Amino acid sequence: MKYMIMMFGGMGETLQDRSPEWISDMQKLLMGLDAELRESGELVDSQKLMDPAAAKTVRYVASKAAPTDGPFAEVKESLAGYWIIEATEERALEIASTVVDFIEFPMEVRQIMDQPPEL
């Protein structure tokens, strides 16, 4: 099974009250998990996203699509990055729990729908 593990929050808001040591330890944790997932073959994809302040949202306004500055959700609810892994649900929850225990912000774990093979 494939799972997407998503981290939420804007970099500024997530880090504003944290010490430089905490930030360094968080980066080590995330880079270490990324390396572990790559080495084990569980990692399918991993991306970090730009701060939500750089986001654009397309909304339906006055009967047409209209791009606007800023994220759709509040910054604290904005997607910051993700891992897609191939593992059990238990393993996906273990990975997310390791990060949440440190950062104290929620992460979402969601199974990816099975796709038929491309012909």
PDB file of N, CA and C in Angstrom:
ATOM      1  N   MET A   1       0.839  -1.177   0.000  1.00  0.00           N
ATOM      2  CA  MET A   1       0.000   0.000   0.000  1.00  0.00           C
ATOM      3  C   MET A   1       0.885   1.242   0.000  1.00  0.00           C
ATOM      4  N   LYS A   2       0.373   2.279  -0.628  1.00  0.00           N
ATOM      5  CA  LYS A   2       1.076   3.560  -0.615  1.00  0.00           C
ATOM      6  C   LYS A   2       0.312   4.528   0.277  1.00  0.00           C
ATOM      7  N   TYR A   3       1.081   5.310   1.021  1.00  0.00           N
ATOM      8  CA  TYR A   3       0.513   6.305   1.924  1.00  0.00           C
ATOM      9  C   TYR A   3       1.207   7.637   1.706  1.00  0.00           C
ATOM     10  N   MET A   4       0.429   8.708   1.810  1.00  0.00           N
ATOM     11  CA  MET A   4       0.985  10.051   1.805  1.00  0.00           C
ATOM     12  C   MET A   4       0.976  10.543   3.241  1.00  0.00           C
ATOM     13  N   ILE A   5       2.130  10.994   3.703  1.00  0.00           N
ATOM     14  CA  ILE A   5       2.275  11.560   5.040  1.00  0.00           C
ATOM     15  C   ILE A   5       2.500  13.048   4.838  1.00  0.00           C
ATOM     16  N   MET A   6       1.548  13.858   5.313  1.00  0.00           N
ATOM     17  CA  MET A   6       1.574  15.299   5.033  1.00  0.00           C
ATOM     18  C   MET A   6       1.837  16.106   6.290  1.00  0.00           C
ATOM     19  N   MET A   7       2.732  17.089   6.151  1.00  0.00           N
ATOM     20  CA  MET A   7       3.046  18.011   7.236  1.00  0.00           C
ATOM     21  C   MET A   7       2.416  19.357   6.902  1.00  0.00           C
ATOM     22  N   PHE A   8       1.793  19.957   7.903  1.00  0.00           N
ATOM     23  CA  PHE A   8       1.094  21.216   7.704  1.00  0.00           C
ATOM     24  C   PHE A   8       1.752  22.339   8.495  1.00  0.00           C
ATOM     25  N   GLY A   9       1.549  23.565   8.028  1.00  0.00           N
ATOM     26  CA  GLY A   9       2.018  24.754   8.732  1.00  0.00           C
ATOM     27  C   GLY A   9       2.932  25.581   7.861  1.00  0.00           C
ATOM     28  N   GLY A  10       2.912  26.868   8.076  1.00  0.00           N
ATOM     29  CA  GLY A  10       3.834  27.759   7.387  1.00  0.00           C
ATOM     30  C   GLY A  10       5.165  27.759   8.105  1.00  0.00           C
ATOM     31  N   MET A  11       6.230  27.856   7.369  1.00  0.00           N
ATOM     32  CA  MET A  11       7.542  27.792   7.996  1.00  0.00           C
ATOM     33  C   MET A  11       7.711  28.886   9.049  1.00  0.00           C
ATOM     34  N   GLY A  12       7.278  30.105   8.773  1.00  0.00           N
ATOM     35  CA  GLY A  12       7.418  31.194   9.729  1.00  0.00           C
ATOM     36  C   GLY A  12       6.662  30.916  11.009  1.00  0.00           C
ATOM     37  N   GLU A  13       5.403  30.538  10.891  1.00  0.00           N
ATOM     38  CA  GLU A  13       4.567  30.288  12.062  1.00  0.00           C
ATOM     39  C   GLU A  13       5.038  29.066  12.835  1.00  0.00           C
ATOM     40  N   THR A  14       5.430  28.029  12.137  1.00  0.00           N
ATOM     41  CA  THR A  14       5.874  26.801  12.782  1.00  0.00           C
ATOM     42  C   THR A  14       7.148  27.031  13.586  1.00  0.00           C
ATOM     43  N   LEU A  15       8.005  27.927  13.103  1.00  0.00           N
ATOM     44  CA  LEU A  15       9.325  28.091  13.702  1.00  0.00           C
ATOM     45  C   LEU A  15       9.487  29.337  14.564  1.00  0.00           C
ATOM     46  N   GLN A  16       8.496  30.225  14.600  1.00  0.00           N
ATOM     47  CA  GLN A  16       8.694  31.541  15.210  1.00  0.00           C
ATOM     48  C   GLN A  16       9.098  31.514  16.676  1.00  0.00           C
ATOM     49  N   ASP A  17       8.628  30.576  17.453  1.00  0.00           N
ATOM     50  CA  ASP A  17       8.959  30.526  18.881  1.00  0.00           C
ATOM     51  C   ASP A  17       9.976  29.441  19.210  1.00  0.00           C
ATOM     52  N   ARG A  18      10.685  28.947  18.215  1.00  0.00           N
ATOM     53  CA  ARG A  18      11.625  27.842  18.432  1.00  0.00           C
ATOM     54  C   ARG A  18      13.066  28.355  18.456  1.00  0.00           C
ATOM     55  N   SER A  19      13.877  27.690  19.250  1.00  0.00           N
ATOM     56  CA  SER A  19      15.296  28.064  19.358  1.00  0.00           C
ATOM     57  C   SER A  19      16.049  27.577  18.127  1.00  0.00           C
ATOM     58  N   PRO A  20      17.207  28.177  17.850  1.00  0.00           N
ATOM     59  CA  PRO A  20      18.030  27.686  16.733  1.00  0.00           C
ATOM     60  C   PRO A  20      18.402  26.206  16.897  1.00  0.00           C
ATOM     61  N   GLU A  21      18.605  25.763  18.147  1.00  0.00           N
ATOM     62  CA  GLU A  21      18.941  24.361  18.402  1.00  0.00           C
ATOM     63  C   GLU A  21      17.766  23.451  18.040  1.00  0.00           C
ATOM     64  N   TRP A  22      16.555  23.875  18.401  1.00  0.00           N
ATOM     65  CA  TRP A  22      15.364  23.089  18.079  1.00  0.00           C
ATOM     66  C   TRP A  22      15.204  22.977  16.565  1.00  0.00           C
ATOM     67  N   ILE A  23      15.379  24.091  15.862  1.00  0.00           N
ATOM     68  CA  ILE A  23      15.250  24.098  14.402  1.00  0.00           C
ATOM     69  C   ILE A  23      16.279  23.165  13.776  1.00  0.00           C
ATOM     70  N   SER A  24      17.513  23.220  14.289  1.00  0.00           N
ATOM     71  CA  SER A  24      18.565  22.336  13.778  1.00  0.00           C
ATOM     72  C   SER A  24      18.219  20.872  14.039  1.00  0.00           C
ATOM     73  N   ASP A  25      17.718  20.577  15.238  1.00  0.00           N
ATOM     74  CA  ASP A  25      17.332  19.201  15.567  1.00  0.00           C
ATOM     75  C   ASP A  25      16.162  18.722  14.710  1.00  0.00           C
ATOM     76  N   MET A  26      15.206  19.618  14.426  1.00  0.00           N
ATOM     77  CA  MET A  26      14.076  19.252  13.575  1.00  0.00           C
ATOM     78  C   MET A  26      14.573  18.913  12.167  1.00  0.00           C
ATOM     79  N   GLN A  27      15.476  19.746  11.640  1.00  0.00           N
ATOM     80  CA  GLN A  27      16.012  19.483  10.304  1.00  0.00           C
ATOM     81  C   GLN A  27      16.755  18.148  10.270  1.00  0.00           C
ATOM     82  N   LYS A  28      17.524  17.864  11.315  1.00  0.00           N
ATOM     83  CA  LYS A  28      18.236  16.578  11.389  1.00  0.00           C
ATOM     84  C   LYS A  28      17.248  15.416  11.420  1.00  0.00           C
ATOM     85  N   LEU A  29      16.179  15.560  12.206  1.00  0.00           N
ATOM     86  CA  LEU A  29      15.165  14.510  12.289  1.00  0.00           C
ATOM     87  C   LEU A  29      14.544  14.246  10.920  1.00  0.00           C
ATOM     88  N   LEU A  30      14.103  15.303  10.245  1.00  0.00           N
ATOM     89  CA  LEU A  30      13.434  15.140   8.954  1.00  0.00           C
ATOM     90  C   LEU A  30      14.391  14.601   7.894  1.00  0.00           C
ATOM     91  N   MET A  31      15.619  15.108   7.855  1.00  0.00           N
ATOM     92  CA  MET A  31      16.595  14.603   6.874  1.00  0.00           C
ATOM     93  C   MET A  31      16.980  13.161   7.181  1.00  0.00           C
ATOM     94  N   GLY A  32      17.063  12.825   8.474  1.00  0.00           N
ATOM     95  CA  GLY A  32      17.373  11.450   8.857  1.00  0.00           C
ATOM     96  C   GLY A  32      16.267  10.479   8.459  1.00  0.00           C
ATOM     97  N   LEU A  33      15.020  10.873   8.706  1.00  0.00           N
ATOM     98  CA  LEU A  33      13.895  10.022   8.288  1.00  0.00           C
ATOM     99  C   LEU A  33      13.856   9.881   6.780  1.00  0.00           C
ATOM    100  N   ASP A  34      14.104  10.981   6.073  1.00  0.00           N
ATOM    101  CA  ASP A  34      14.114  10.923   4.609  1.00  0.00           C
ATOM    102  C   ASP A  34      15.187   9.939   4.127  1.00  0.00           C
ATOM    103  N   ALA A  35      16.371  10.018   4.694  1.00  0.00           N
ATOM    104  CA  ALA A  35      17.455   9.107   4.309  1.00  0.00           C
ATOM    105  C   ALA A  35      17.105   7.655   4.654  1.00  0.00           C
ATOM    106  N   GLU A  36      16.510   7.452   5.841  1.00  0.00           N
ATOM    107  CA  GLU A  36      16.106   6.102   6.249  1.00  0.00           C
ATOM    108  C   GLU A  36      15.086   5.514   5.284  1.00  0.00           C
ATOM    109  N   LEU A  37      14.104   6.325   4.877  1.00  0.00           N
ATOM    110  CA  LEU A  37      13.066   5.850   3.958  1.00  0.00           C
ATOM    111  C   LEU A  37      13.642   5.559   2.576  1.00  0.00           C
ATOM    112  N   ARG A  38      14.597   6.376   2.135  1.00  0.00           N
ATOM    113  CA  ARG A  38      15.256   6.119   0.840  1.00  0.00           C
ATOM    114  C   ARG A  38      16.041   4.815   0.889  1.00  0.00           C
ATOM    115  N   GLU A  39      16.838   4.648   1.941  1.00  0.00           N
ATOM    116  CA  GLU A  39      17.689   3.464   2.068  1.00  0.00           C
ATOM    117  C   GLU A  39      16.874   2.179   2.189  1.00  0.00           C
ATOM    118  N   SER A  40      15.723   2.250   2.855  1.00  0.00           N
ATOM    119  CA  SER A  40      14.890   1.051   3.035  1.00  0.00           C
ATOM    120  C   SER A  40      14.065   0.724   1.795  1.00  0.00           C
ATOM    121  N   GLY A  41      14.006   1.667   0.833  1.00  0.00           N
ATOM    122  CA  GLY A  41      13.204   1.461  -0.366  1.00  0.00           C
ATOM    123  C   GLY A  41      11.730   1.792  -0.177  1.00  0.00           C
ATOM    124  N   GLU A  42      11.366   2.316   0.998  1.00  0.00           N
ATOM    125  CA  GLU A  42       9.962   2.652   1.267  1.00  0.00           C
ATOM    126  C   GLU A  42       9.544   3.967   0.596  1.00  0.00           C
ATOM    127  N   LEU A  43      10.497   4.861   0.351  1.00  0.00           N
ATOM    128  CA  LEU A  43      10.165   6.183  -0.170  1.00  0.00           C
ATOM    129  C   LEU A  43       9.828   6.136  -1.654  1.00  0.00           C
ATOM    130  N   VAL A  44       8.662   6.651  -1.996  1.00  0.00           N
ATOM    131  CA  VAL A  44       8.233   6.773  -3.388  1.00  0.00           C
ATOM    132  C   VAL A  44       8.520   8.194  -3.869  1.00  0.00           C
ATOM    133  N   ASP A  45       8.199   9.198  -3.038  1.00  0.00           N
ATOM    134  CA  ASP A  45       8.422  10.605  -3.383  1.00  0.00           C
ATOM    135  C   ASP A  45       8.435  11.412  -2.098  1.00  0.00           C
ATOM    136  N   SER A  46       9.130  12.530  -2.129  1.00  0.00           N
ATOM    137  CA  SER A  46       9.198  13.440  -0.991  1.00  0.00           C
ATOM    138  C   SER A  46       9.455  14.836  -1.519  1.00  0.00           C
ATOM    139  N   GLN A  47       8.679  15.802  -1.060  1.00  0.00           N
ATOM    140  CA  GLN A  47       8.875  17.184  -1.504  1.00  0.00           C
ATOM    141  C   GLN A  47       8.626  18.142  -0.352  1.00  0.00           C
ATOM    142  N   LYS A  48       9.404  19.219  -0.335  1.00  0.00           N
ATOM    143  CA  LYS A  48       9.162  20.333   0.575  1.00  0.00           C
ATOM    144  C   LYS A  48       8.531  21.430  -0.257  1.00  0.00           C
ATOM    145  N   LEU A  49       7.578  22.135   0.291  1.00  0.00           N
ATOM    146  CA  LEU A  49       6.904  23.195  -0.447  1.00  0.00           C
ATOM    147  C   LEU A  49       7.349  24.565   0.058  1.00  0.00           C
ATOM    148  N   MET A  50       7.272  25.562  -0.811  1.00  0.00           N
ATOM    149  CA  MET A  50       7.595  26.934  -0.427  1.00  0.00           C
ATOM    150  C   MET A  50       6.622  27.386   0.653  1.00  0.00           C
ATOM    151  N   ASP A  51       6.994  28.419   1.395  1.00  0.00           N
ATOM    152  CA  ASP A  51       6.137  28.966   2.438  1.00  0.00           C
ATOM    153  C   ASP A  51       4.794  29.371   1.829  1.00  0.00           C
ATOM    154  N   PRO A  52       3.706  29.180   2.552  1.00  0.00           N
ATOM    155  CA  PRO A  52       2.381  29.511   2.025  1.00  0.00           C
ATOM    156  C   PRO A  52       2.222  30.963   1.585  1.00  0.00           C
ATOM    157  N   ALA A  53       3.051  31.855   2.097  1.00  0.00           N
ATOM    158  CA  ALA A  53       2.967  33.259   1.675  1.00  0.00           C
ATOM    159  C   ALA A  53       3.217  33.398   0.173  1.00  0.00           C
ATOM    160  N   ALA A  54       3.905  32.437  -0.426  1.00  0.00           N
ATOM    161  CA  ALA A  54       4.190  32.468  -1.866  1.00  0.00           C
ATOM    162  C   ALA A  54       3.117  31.758  -2.687  1.00  0.00           C
ATOM    163  N   ALA A  55       2.077  31.253  -2.030  1.00  0.00           N
ATOM    164  CA  ALA A  55       1.047  30.470  -2.725  1.00  0.00           C
ATOM    165  C   ALA A  55       0.075  31.356  -3.501  1.00  0.00           C
ATOM    166  N   LYS A  56      -0.555  30.759  -4.461  1.00  0.00           N
ATOM    167  CA  LYS A  56      -1.666  31.355  -5.203  1.00  0.00           C
ATOM    168  C   LYS A  56      -2.843  30.401  -5.052  1.00  0.00           C
ATOM    169  N   THR A  57      -4.031  30.957  -4.956  1.00  0.00           N
ATOM    170  CA  THR A  57      -5.240  30.146  -4.882  1.00  0.00           C
ATOM    171  C   THR A  57      -6.174  30.593  -5.993  1.00  0.00           C
ATOM    172  N   VAL A  58      -6.737  29.632  -6.701  1.00  0.00           N
ATOM    173  CA  VAL A  58      -7.709  29.947  -7.743  1.00  0.00           C
ATOM    174  C   VAL A  58      -9.093  29.702  -7.149  1.00  0.00           C
ATOM    175  N   ARG A  59      -9.889  30.747  -7.124  1.00  0.00           N
ATOM    176  CA  ARG A  59     -11.246  30.673  -6.574  1.00  0.00           C
ATOM    177  C   ARG A  59     -12.255  30.943  -7.687  1.00  0.00           C
ATOM    178  N   TYR A  60     -13.474  30.516  -7.449  1.00  0.00           N
ATOM    179  CA  TYR A  60     -14.564  30.792  -8.377  1.00  0.00           C
ATOM    180  C   TYR A  60     -15.240  32.076  -7.902  1.00  0.00           C
ATOM    181  N   VAL A  61     -15.060  33.152  -8.662  1.00  0.00           N
ATOM    182  CA  VAL A  61     -15.574  34.473  -8.282  1.00  0.00           C
ATOM    183  C   VAL A  61     -16.290  35.092  -9.485  1.00  0.00           C
ATOM    184  N   ALA A  62     -17.478  35.589  -9.255  1.00  0.00           N
ATOM    185  CA  ALA A  62     -18.245  36.268 -10.311  1.00  0.00           C
ATOM    186  C   ALA A  62     -18.350  35.405 -11.569  1.00  0.00           C
ATOM    187  N   SER A  63     -18.687  34.133 -11.367  1.00  0.00           N
ATOM    188  CA  SER A  63     -18.931  33.176 -12.456  1.00  0.00           C
ATOM    189  C   SER A  63     -17.696  32.798 -13.260  1.00  0.00           C
ATOM    190  N   LYS A  64     -16.492  32.984 -12.692  1.00  0.00           N
ATOM    191  CA  LYS A  64     -15.282  32.531 -13.403  1.00  0.00           C
ATOM    192  C   LYS A  64     -14.144  32.311 -12.410  1.00  0.00           C
ATOM    193  N   ALA A  65     -13.150  31.567 -12.862  1.00  0.00           N
ATOM    194  CA  ALA A  65     -11.968  31.302 -12.048  1.00  0.00           C
ATOM    195  C   ALA A  65     -11.142  32.572 -11.931  1.00  0.00           C
ATOM    196  N   ALA A  66     -10.677  32.846 -10.706  1.00  0.00           N
ATOM    197  CA  ALA A  66      -9.885  34.057 -10.470  1.00  0.00           C
ATOM    198  C   ALA A  66      -8.718  33.723  -9.545  1.00  0.00           C
ATOM    199  N   PRO A  67      -7.472  33.803 -10.065  1.00  0.00           N
ATOM    200  CA  PRO A  67      -6.304  33.571  -9.212  1.00  0.00           C
ATOM    201  C   PRO A  67      -6.151  34.713  -8.204  1.00  0.00           C
ATOM    202  N   THR A  68      -5.799  34.344  -6.971  1.00  0.00           N
ATOM    203  CA  THR A  68      -5.554  35.342  -5.929  1.00  0.00           C
ATOM    204  C   THR A  68      -4.269  34.988  -5.201  1.00  0.00           C
ATOM    205  N   ASP A  69      -3.685  35.964  -4.537  1.00  0.00           N
ATOM    206  CA  ASP A  69      -2.491  35.709  -3.736  1.00  0.00           C
ATOM    207  C   ASP A  69      -2.881  34.983  -2.464  1.00  0.00           C
ATOM    208  N   GLY A  70      -1.953  34.198  -1.963  1.00  0.00           N
ATOM    209  CA  GLY A  70      -2.135  33.585  -0.658  1.00  0.00           C
ATOM    210  C   GLY A  70      -2.741  32.210  -0.703  1.00  0.00           C
ATOM    211  N   PRO A  71      -2.564  31.483   0.394  1.00  0.00           N
ATOM    212  CA  PRO A  71      -3.092  30.114   0.467  1.00  0.00           C
ATOM    213  C   PRO A  71      -4.597  30.127   0.671  1.00  0.00           C
ATOM    214  N   PHE A  72      -5.209  29.007   0.350  1.00  0.00           N
ATOM    215  CA  PHE A  72      -6.650  28.828   0.543  1.00  0.00           C
ATOM    216  C   PHE A  72      -6.983  28.752   2.033  1.00  0.00           C
ATOM    217  N   ALA A  73      -6.229  27.958   2.750  1.00  0.00           N
ATOM    218  CA  ALA A  73      -6.489  27.747   4.177  1.00  0.00           C
ATOM    219  C   ALA A  73      -5.655  28.719   5.002  1.00  0.00           C
ATOM    220  N   GLU A  74      -5.916  28.746   6.297  1.00  0.00           N
ATOM    221  CA  GLU A  74      -5.041  29.500   7.178  1.00  0.00           C
ATOM    222  C   GLU A  74      -3.644  28.905   7.058  1.00  0.00           C
ATOM    223  N   VAL A  75      -2.618  29.733   7.268  1.00  0.00           N
ATOM    224  CA  VAL A  75      -1.247  29.276   7.105  1.00  0.00           C
ATOM    225  C   VAL A  75      -0.967  28.034   7.937  1.00  0.00           C
ATOM    226  N   LYS A  76      -1.487  27.977   9.165  1.00  0.00           N
ATOM    227  CA  LYS A  76      -1.219  26.818  10.015  1.00  0.00           C
ATOM    228  C   LYS A  76      -1.825  25.542   9.458  1.00  0.00           C
ATOM    229  N   GLU A  77      -2.767  25.664   8.523  1.00  0.00           N
ATOM    230  CA  GLU A  77      -3.407  24.503   7.914  1.00  0.00           C
ATOM    231  C   GLU A  77      -2.870  24.202   6.518  1.00  0.00           C
ATOM    232  N   SER A  78      -1.893  24.951   6.077  1.00  0.00           N
ATOM    233  CA  SER A  78      -1.378  24.819   4.725  1.00  0.00           C
ATOM    234  C   SER A  78      -0.364  23.673   4.639  1.00  0.00           C
ATOM    235  N   LEU A  79      -0.388  22.939   3.535  1.00  0.00           N
ATOM    236  CA  LEU A  79       0.537  21.829   3.320  1.00  0.00           C
ATOM    237  C   LEU A  79       1.960  22.365   3.184  1.00  0.00           C
ATOM    238  N   ALA A  80       2.878  21.856   4.012  1.00  0.00           N
ATOM    239  CA  ALA A  80       4.269  22.308   4.003  1.00  0.00           C
ATOM    240  C   ALA A  80       5.175  21.332   3.255  1.00  0.00           C
ATOM    241  N   GLY A  81       4.817  20.066   3.234  1.00  0.00           N
ATOM    242  CA  GLY A  81       5.622  19.065   2.559  1.00  0.00           C
ATOM    243  C   GLY A  81       5.013  17.688   2.778  1.00  0.00           C
ATOM    244  N   TYR A  82       5.584  16.700   2.099  1.00  0.00           N
ATOM    245  CA  TYR A  82       5.012  15.358   2.215  1.00  0.00           C
ATOM    246  C   TYR A  82       6.024  14.292   1.866  1.00  0.00           C
ATOM    247  N   TRP A  83       5.727  13.097   2.330  1.00  0.00           N
ATOM    248  CA  TRP A  83       6.380  11.872   1.895  1.00  0.00           C
ATOM    249  C   TRP A  83       5.300  10.986   1.305  1.00  0.00           C
ATOM    250  N   ILE A  84       5.607  10.295   0.242  1.00  0.00           N
ATOM    251  CA  ILE A  84       4.777   9.192  -0.223  1.00  0.00           C
ATOM    252  C   ILE A  84       5.628   7.953  -0.020  1.00  0.00           C
ATOM    253  N   ILE A  85       5.085   7.019   0.742  1.00  0.00           N
ATOM    254  CA  ILE A  85       5.838   5.808   1.049  1.00  0.00           C
ATOM    255  C   ILE A  85       5.041   4.583   0.631  1.00  0.00           C
ATOM    256  N   GLU A  86       5.756   3.500   0.425  1.00  0.00           N
ATOM    257  CA  GLU A  86       5.115   2.208   0.189  1.00  0.00           C
ATOM    258  C   GLU A  86       5.411   1.367   1.418  1.00  0.00           C
ATOM    259  N   ALA A  87       4.371   1.160   2.233  1.00  0.00           N
ATOM    260  CA  ALA A  87       4.537   0.471   3.513  1.00  0.00           C
ATOM    261  C   ALA A  87       3.160   0.106   4.057  1.00  0.00           C
ATOM    262  N   THR A  88       3.144  -0.411   5.261  1.00  0.00           N
ATOM    263  CA  THR A  88       1.881  -0.692   5.930  1.00  0.00           C
ATOM    264  C   THR A  88       1.347   0.592   6.573  1.00  0.00           C
ATOM    265  N   GLU A  89       0.062   0.563   6.893  1.00  0.00           N
ATOM    266  CA  GLU A  89      -0.508   1.717   7.599  1.00  0.00           C
ATOM    267  C   GLU A  89       0.188   1.905   8.945  1.00  0.00           C
ATOM    268  N   GLU A  90       0.487   0.805   9.604  1.00  0.00           N
ATOM    269  CA  GLU A  90       1.186   0.874  10.891  1.00  0.00           C
ATOM    270  C   GLU A  90       2.516   1.614  10.752  1.00  0.00           C
ATOM    271  N   ARG A  91       3.271   1.309   9.699  1.00  0.00           N
ATOM    272  CA  ARG A  91       4.565   1.964   9.471  1.00  0.00           C
ATOM    273  C   ARG A  91       4.372   3.448   9.160  1.00  0.00           C
ATOM    274  N   ALA A  92       3.381   3.778   8.339  1.00  0.00           N
ATOM    275  CA  ALA A  92       3.113   5.180   8.008  1.00  0.00           C
ATOM    276  C   ALA A  92       2.778   5.977   9.272  1.00  0.00           C
ATOM    277  N   LEU A  93       1.964   5.381  10.146  1.00  0.00           N
ATOM    278  CA  LEU A  93       1.608   6.050  11.398  1.00  0.00           C
ATOM    279  C   LEU A  93       2.811   6.165  12.328  1.00  0.00           C
ATOM    280  N   GLU A  94       3.686   5.181  12.295  1.00  0.00           N
ATOM    281  CA  GLU A  94       4.912   5.226  13.096  1.00  0.00           C
ATOM    282  C   GLU A  94       5.799   6.397  12.662  1.00  0.00           C
ATOM    283  N   ILE A  95       5.950   6.576  11.357  1.00  0.00           N
ATOM    284  CA  ILE A  95       6.768   7.669  10.829  1.00  0.00           C
ATOM    285  C   ILE A  95       6.173   9.015  11.225  1.00  0.00           C
ATOM    286  N   ALA A  96       4.879   9.179  11.004  1.00  0.00           N
ATOM    287  CA  ALA A  96       4.218  10.441  11.351  1.00  0.00           C
ATOM    288  C   ALA A  96       4.319  10.705  12.852  1.00  0.00           C
ATOM    289  N   SER A  97       4.135   9.679  13.670  1.00  0.00           N
ATOM    290  CA  SER A  97       4.209   9.841  15.122  1.00  0.00           C
ATOM    291  C   SER A  97       5.596  10.284  15.573  1.00  0.00           C
ATOM    292  N   THR A  98       6.632   9.770  14.935  1.00  0.00           N
ATOM    293  CA  THR A  98       8.003  10.173  15.265  1.00  0.00           C
ATOM    294  C   THR A  98       8.177  11.675  15.069  1.00  0.00           C
ATOM    295  N   VAL A  99       7.643  12.190  13.957  1.00  0.00           N
ATOM    296  CA  VAL A  99       7.766  13.624  13.669  1.00  0.00           C
ATOM    297  C   VAL A  99       6.882  14.437  14.605  1.00  0.00           C
ATOM    298  N   VAL A 100       5.634  14.030  14.787  1.00  0.00           N
ATOM    299  CA  VAL A 100       4.696  14.782  15.632  1.00  0.00           C
ATOM    300  C   VAL A 100       5.193  14.844  17.075  1.00  0.00           C
ATOM    301  N   ASP A 101       5.797  13.778  17.566  1.00  0.00           N
ATOM    302  CA  ASP A 101       6.348  13.797  18.922  1.00  0.00           C
ATOM    303  C   ASP A 101       7.375  14.914  19.082  1.00  0.00           C
ATOM    304  N   PHE A 102       8.065  15.243  18.008  1.00  0.00           N
ATOM    305  CA  PHE A 102       9.083  16.294  18.066  1.00  0.00           C
ATOM    306  C   PHE A 102       8.510  17.671  17.771  1.00  0.00           C
ATOM    307  N   ILE A 103       7.792  17.811  16.648  1.00  0.00           N
ATOM    308  CA  ILE A 103       7.365  19.150  16.213  1.00  0.00           C
ATOM    309  C   ILE A 103       6.099  19.646  16.900  1.00  0.00           C
ATOM    310  N   GLU A 104       5.308  18.714  17.444  1.00  0.00           N
ATOM    311  CA  GLU A 104       4.068  19.050  18.152  1.00  0.00           C
ATOM    312  C   GLU A 104       3.007  19.686  17.258  1.00  0.00           C
ATOM    313  N   PHE A 105       3.097  19.486  15.955  1.00  0.00           N
ATOM    314  CA  PHE A 105       2.097  19.916  14.989  1.00  0.00           C
ATOM    315  C   PHE A 105       1.525  18.658  14.354  1.00  0.00           C
ATOM    316  N   PRO A 106       0.253  18.675  13.954  1.00  0.00           N
ATOM    317  CA  PRO A 106      -0.343  17.461  13.389  1.00  0.00           C
ATOM    318  C   PRO A 106       0.200  17.122  12.004  1.00  0.00           C
ATOM    319  N   MET A 107       0.135  15.857  11.683  1.00  0.00           N
ATOM    320  CA  MET A 107       0.436  15.369  10.339  1.00  0.00           C
ATOM    321  C   MET A 107      -0.738  14.498   9.927  1.00  0.00           C
ATOM    322  N   GLU A 108      -0.987  14.451   8.640  1.00  0.00           N
ATOM    323  CA  GLU A 108      -2.068  13.611   8.120  1.00  0.00           C
ATOM    324  C   GLU A 108      -1.463  12.439   7.373  1.00  0.00           C
ATOM    325  N   VAL A 109      -2.016  11.254   7.601  1.00  0.00           N
ATOM    326  CA  VAL A 109      -1.606  10.040   6.899  1.00  0.00           C
ATOM    327  C   VAL A 109      -2.815   9.567   6.117  1.00  0.00           C
ATOM    328  N   ARG A 110      -2.634   9.454   4.809  1.00  0.00           N
ATOM    329  CA  ARG A 110      -3.761   9.056   3.974  1.00  0.00           C
ATOM    330  C   ARG A 110      -3.314   8.036   2.944  1.00  0.00           C
ATOM    331  N   GLN A 111      -4.076   6.939   2.837  1.00  0.00           N
ATOM    332  CA  GLN A 111      -3.767   5.917   1.845  1.00  0.00           C
ATOM    333  C   GLN A 111      -4.044   6.473   0.453  1.00  0.00           C
ATOM    334  N   ILE A 112      -3.191   6.141  -0.474  1.00  0.00           N
ATOM    335  CA  ILE A 112      -3.358   6.527  -1.880  1.00  0.00           C
ATOM    336  C   ILE A 112      -4.225   5.476  -2.539  1.00  0.00           C
ATOM    337  N   MET A 113      -5.226   5.932  -3.282  1.00  0.00           N
ATOM    338  CA  MET A 113      -6.119   4.992  -3.964  1.00  0.00           C
ATOM    339  C   MET A 113      -5.351   4.158  -4.965  1.00  0.00           C
ATOM    340  N   ASP A 114      -5.699   2.887  -5.025  1.00  0.00           N
ATOM    341  CA  ASP A 114      -5.050   2.005  -6.002  1.00  0.00           C
ATOM    342  C   ASP A 114      -5.371   2.477  -7.408  1.00  0.00           C
ATOM    343  N   GLN A 115      -4.380   2.480  -8.252  1.00  0.00           N
ATOM    344  CA  GLN A 115      -4.542   2.861  -9.641  1.00  0.00           C
ATOM    345  C   GLN A 115      -4.316   1.619 -10.512  1.00  0.00           C
ATOM    346  N   PRO A 116      -5.131   1.432 -11.548  1.00  0.00           N
ATOM    347  CA  PRO A 116      -4.871   0.305 -12.455  1.00  0.00           C
ATOM    348  C   PRO A 116      -3.562   0.566 -13.216  1.00  0.00           C
ATOM    349  N   PRO A 117      -2.836  -0.478 -13.575  1.00  0.00           N
ATOM    350  CA  PRO A 117      -1.584  -0.278 -14.315  1.00  0.00           C
ATOM    351  C   PRO A 117      -1.844   0.391 -15.660  1.00  0.00           C
ATOM    352  N   GLU A 118      -0.888   1.265 -16.038  1.00  0.00           N
ATOM    353  CA  GLU A 118      -1.015   1.933 -17.337  1.00  0.00           C
ATOM    354  C   GLU A 118      -0.695   0.938 -18.448  1.00  0.00           C
ATOM    355  N   LEU A 119      -1.425   1.008 -19.537  1.00  0.00           N
ATOM    356  CA  LEU A 119      -1.196   0.102 -20.663  1.00  0.00           C
ATOM    357  C   LEU A 119      -0.293   0.735 -21.684  1.00  0.00           C
TER     358      LEU A 119
END
